[in-house]
Amino acid sequence: MEECHQPDPCNMNINHVDIECMDKRYRTQFVNSLSGFKSLFLIGTINKQGDSNLAIFNSVIHIGANPPLLGLISRPDTVERHSFENIKEIKLFTLNSVDKTIYHKAHQTAARYDKSTSEFEAAGLSMQFMGDCQVPFVKESSLKIEMMFRESYDIKSNGTHLIIAEIQNIYLPESCIEMDGYINLENMGILSGSGLDAYHETKLIERLPYAKPKL
């Protein structure tokens, strides 16, 4: 069996055994940071009894544009996963951006509250119902997306679940949509995240033209 080693700080090489030897919390933070900056969303859900839930996720990803699909990862069922349970039950949920004005409150939704406690209330965020959607949005978020559950996949390697859902309605400032359809998230003050507890502002460097083979 391979033994853990102490990497040279001047030329660090960390192998899979070193990762396995890390303290659990250290390893979770380390690996979560490794994939870089990620989108942040507050996931709003509700169950048939009317109990609302709100949780911050950093695993929302683009799946496809036609139909418009997004995916997210729900962690293993080692404890109750209220968001995942509500999504499976109601088949609808909301994605709400984490803006500069609310990230402290958004972070608080990661705490493990019991099922009867609404993170909206616990974190000091406001529920907002829009259109015909029966699931609450976060009033303070500048970008709000209504999602309909389509399918989920159990990931056997670690017990997580990939949820795939289709965009139903989007609410955002019209001024942030550019002529070619590009959404300027930076102008909305939307933050990105890294690791489990780091929040970042963004700065656009440049938009490049569509890449074509060079002749």
Protein backbone atom coordinates (compact mmCIF):
# COMPACT_ATOMS: atom_id res chain seq x y z
CA MET A 1 0.00 0.00 0.00
CA GLU A 2 1.32 3.43 -0.94
CA GLU A 3 2.23 5.76 1.91
CA CYS A 4 1.39 9.42 2.20
CA HIS A 5 4.31 11.75 1.59
CA GLN A 6 5.00 15.38 2.35
CA PRO A 7 5.13 17.30 -0.96
CA ASP A 8 8.05 19.61 -1.67
CA PRO A 9 6.60 23.13 -1.24
CA CYS A 10 8.84 24.40 -4.06
CA ASN A 11 7.61 21.81 -6.55
CA MET A 12 4.42 20.41 -5.12
CA ASN A 13 3.12 17.07 -6.34
CA ILE A 14 0.03 15.73 -4.57
CA ASN A 15 -1.07 12.26 -5.63
CA HIS A 16 -4.33 10.37 -5.04
CA VAL A 17 -2.95 8.69 -1.92
CA ASP A 18 -2.03 12.08 -0.42
CA ILE A 19 -5.60 13.22 -1.08
CA GLU A 20 -6.99 10.13 0.68
CA CYS A 21 -4.73 10.84 3.68
CA MET A 22 -5.98 14.40 4.13
CA ASP A 23 -8.24 15.34 7.02
CA LYS A 24 -11.86 15.09 5.84
CA ARG A 25 -12.65 18.80 6.06
CA TYR A 26 -9.29 19.78 4.55
CA ARG A 27 -9.79 17.31 1.68
CA THR A 28 -13.31 18.57 0.98
CA GLN A 29 -12.14 22.18 0.81
CA PHE A 30 -9.03 21.29 -1.21
CA VAL A 31 -10.79 19.25 -3.91
CA ASN A 32 -13.75 21.64 -4.09
CA SER A 33 -11.33 24.53 -4.75
CA LEU A 34 -9.42 22.61 -7.41
CA SER A 35 -11.98 23.00 -10.20
CA GLY A 36 -11.75 26.78 -9.99
CA PHE A 37 -14.39 29.47 -10.06
CA LYS A 38 -17.98 28.23 -10.20
CA SER A 39 -21.42 29.72 -10.61
CA LEU A 40 -23.43 30.25 -7.45
CA PHE A 41 -27.19 29.86 -7.20
CA LEU A 42 -29.73 29.73 -4.42
CA ILE A 43 -32.07 26.80 -5.12
CA GLY A 44 -35.63 27.53 -4.07
CA THR A 45 -37.97 24.59 -3.49
CA ILE A 46 -41.22 23.78 -1.73
CA ASN A 47 -43.03 20.56 -0.78
CA LYS A 48 -46.71 19.62 -1.04
CA GLN A 49 -47.25 20.71 2.56
CA GLY A 50 -46.08 24.23 1.67
CA ASP A 51 -42.73 24.04 3.51
CA SER A 52 -40.19 26.16 1.61
CA ASN A 53 -36.49 25.44 1.38
CA LEU A 54 -33.54 27.48 0.15
CA ALA A 55 -29.97 26.23 -0.31
CA ILE A 56 -26.84 27.57 -1.96
CA PHE A 57 -25.34 25.40 -4.73
CA ASN A 58 -22.06 25.79 -6.63
CA SER A 59 -22.67 22.91 -9.04
CA VAL A 60 -25.08 24.35 -11.62
CA ILE A 61 -23.85 23.62 -15.15
CA HIS A 62 -24.97 24.21 -18.75
CA ILE A 63 -26.32 21.04 -20.41
CA GLY A 64 -27.70 22.35 -23.69
CA ALA A 65 -29.43 25.28 -25.40
CA ASN A 66 -32.09 23.45 -27.44
CA PRO A 67 -33.98 22.50 -25.37
CA PRO A 68 -32.57 24.88 -22.73
CA LEU A 69 -31.26 22.53 -20.04
CA LEU A 70 -29.23 23.08 -16.90
CA GLY A 71 -27.87 20.46 -14.50
CA LEU A 72 -26.87 20.43 -10.87
CA ILE A 73 -25.33 17.94 -8.48
CA SER A 74 -27.06 16.92 -5.27
CA ARG A 75 -24.77 15.45 -2.63
CA PRO A 76 -25.08 11.88 -1.26
CA ASP A 77 -28.10 10.92 0.82
CA THR A 78 -26.07 10.41 3.99
CA VAL A 79 -28.31 13.06 5.56
CA GLU A 80 -31.68 14.46 4.48
CA ARG A 81 -31.41 16.44 1.23
CA HIS A 82 -34.46 18.67 1.39
CA SER A 83 -33.84 20.37 -1.96
CA PHE A 84 -33.55 17.08 -3.86
CA GLU A 85 -36.57 15.61 -2.10
CA ASN A 86 -38.70 18.66 -2.91
CA ILE A 87 -37.56 18.74 -6.55
CA LYS A 88 -38.56 15.09 -7.01
CA GLU A 89 -41.91 15.72 -5.33
CA ILE A 90 -42.99 18.98 -7.01
CA LYS A 91 -40.93 18.73 -10.26
CA LEU A 92 -40.25 22.48 -10.14
CA PHE A 93 -37.57 24.62 -8.52
CA THR A 94 -36.03 28.07 -8.89
CA LEU A 95 -32.48 29.25 -9.48
CA ASN A 96 -31.64 32.61 -7.93
CA SER A 97 -28.38 34.50 -8.39
CA VAL A 98 -26.07 35.33 -5.50
CA ASP A 99 -25.45 39.07 -5.69
CA LYS A 100 -23.01 41.31 -3.84
CA THR A 101 -25.78 42.59 -1.58
CA ILE A 102 -26.88 39.16 -0.26
CA TYR A 103 -23.91 36.79 -0.24
CA HIS A 104 -23.64 36.72 3.57
CA LYS A 105 -27.29 35.69 3.80
CA ALA A 106 -26.89 33.25 0.91
CA HIS A 107 -23.97 31.58 2.69
CA GLN A 108 -26.12 31.04 5.77
CA THR A 109 -28.47 28.77 3.81
CA ALA A 110 -25.70 26.13 3.79
CA ALA A 111 -26.36 25.51 7.49
CA ARG A 112 -28.17 22.28 8.33
CA TYR A 113 -31.64 23.38 9.34
CA ASP A 114 -34.40 20.86 10.00
CA LYS A 115 -37.08 20.28 7.38
CA SER A 116 -39.66 22.46 9.13
CA THR A 117 -37.39 25.53 9.10
CA SER A 118 -37.43 27.74 6.03
CA GLU A 119 -33.97 29.01 5.10
CA PHE A 120 -35.67 32.05 3.55
CA GLU A 121 -36.67 33.14 7.04
CA ALA A 122 -33.54 31.84 8.79
CA ALA A 123 -31.21 33.70 6.42
CA GLY A 124 -33.32 36.85 6.18
CA LEU A 125 -34.21 36.54 2.48
CA SER A 126 -37.62 37.26 0.96
CA MET A 127 -39.84 34.79 -0.87
CA GLN A 128 -41.35 36.03 -4.13
CA PHE A 129 -43.89 34.20 -6.28
CA MET A 130 -43.86 35.17 -9.95
CA GLY A 131 -46.14 34.21 -12.83
CA ASP A 132 -47.81 30.84 -12.36
CA CYS A 133 -44.82 29.30 -10.57
CA GLN A 134 -45.83 27.72 -7.27
CA VAL A 135 -42.22 27.62 -6.06
CA PRO A 136 -40.71 30.74 -4.44
CA PHE A 137 -37.98 32.88 -5.95
CA VAL A 138 -35.55 35.03 -3.96
CA LYS A 139 -36.82 38.59 -4.25
CA GLU A 140 -33.37 40.09 -3.69
CA SER A 141 -31.73 38.17 -6.59
CA SER A 142 -31.32 40.02 -9.87
CA LEU A 143 -31.44 36.84 -12.00
CA LYS A 144 -34.29 34.39 -11.37
CA ILE A 145 -34.94 31.18 -13.34
CA GLU A 146 -37.88 28.78 -13.08
CA MET A 147 -36.81 25.19 -13.75
CA MET A 148 -38.80 22.02 -14.49
CA PHE A 149 -37.28 18.68 -13.47
CA ARG A 150 -36.71 16.32 -16.39
CA GLU A 151 -34.51 13.46 -15.15
CA SER A 152 -31.85 12.48 -12.63
CA TYR A 153 -28.96 10.06 -12.63
CA ASP A 154 -27.37 8.32 -9.67
CA ILE A 155 -23.60 8.63 -9.80
CA LYS A 156 -22.34 5.34 -8.42
CA SER A 157 -18.76 6.51 -7.87
CA ASN A 158 -19.70 8.68 -4.88
CA GLY A 159 -23.46 8.49 -4.34
CA THR A 160 -24.30 11.93 -5.70
CA HIS A 161 -27.17 12.70 -8.05
CA LEU A 162 -27.12 14.63 -11.33
CA ILE A 163 -30.38 16.55 -11.77
CA ILE A 164 -31.28 17.77 -15.25
CA ALA A 165 -34.00 20.39 -15.63
CA GLU A 166 -35.45 22.58 -18.37
CA ILE A 167 -35.71 26.37 -18.20
CA GLN A 168 -39.33 27.56 -18.03
CA ASN A 169 -39.12 31.27 -17.26
CA ILE A 170 -36.31 33.78 -16.77
CA TYR A 171 -36.51 37.11 -14.97
CA LEU A 172 -33.65 39.61 -15.32
CA PRO A 173 -33.01 43.27 -16.20
CA GLU A 174 -33.53 43.81 -19.94
CA SER A 175 -30.52 46.15 -20.00
CA CYS A 176 -28.21 43.21 -19.19
CA ILE A 177 -29.03 41.31 -22.40
CA GLU A 178 -26.71 42.38 -25.22
CA MET A 179 -27.61 42.49 -28.93
CA ASP A 180 -26.23 39.00 -29.66
CA GLY A 181 -27.96 37.35 -26.68
CA TYR A 182 -24.98 37.50 -24.32
CA ILE A 183 -26.10 38.07 -20.71
CA ASN A 184 -23.86 40.50 -18.84
CA LEU A 185 -23.88 38.93 -15.39
CA GLU A 186 -21.18 41.31 -14.17
CA ASN A 187 -23.48 44.31 -14.59
CA MET A 188 -25.98 42.61 -12.28
CA GLY A 189 -23.40 42.30 -9.51
CA ILE A 190 -23.53 38.51 -9.62
CA LEU A 191 -20.73 36.70 -7.77
CA SER A 192 -18.88 33.48 -8.46
CA GLY A 193 -17.50 31.08 -5.88
CA SER A 194 -14.52 28.86 -5.20
CA GLY A 195 -14.11 26.20 -2.58
CA LEU A 196 -16.88 26.13 -0.01
CA ASP A 197 -16.74 29.64 1.39
CA ALA A 198 -14.98 32.05 -1.01
CA TYR A 199 -16.98 34.63 -2.97
CA HIS A 200 -15.55 36.55 -5.94
CA GLU A 201 -16.45 39.54 -8.05
CA THR A 202 -15.76 39.17 -11.78
CA LYS A 203 -14.06 41.41 -14.31
CA LEU A 204 -14.49 40.95 -18.05
CA ILE A 205 -11.17 40.96 -19.93
CA GLU A 206 -12.44 40.64 -23.49
CA ARG A 207 -15.06 38.96 -25.65
CA LEU A 208 -13.47 37.18 -28.60
CA PRO A 209 -15.01 36.49 -32.03
CA TYR A 210 -16.33 33.05 -32.97
CA ALA A 211 -13.31 30.78 -33.47
CA LYS A 212 -12.76 29.40 -36.99
CA PRO A 213 -9.93 27.26 -38.36
CA LYS A 214 -6.98 29.34 -39.53
CA LEU A 215 -6.15 28.74 -43.18
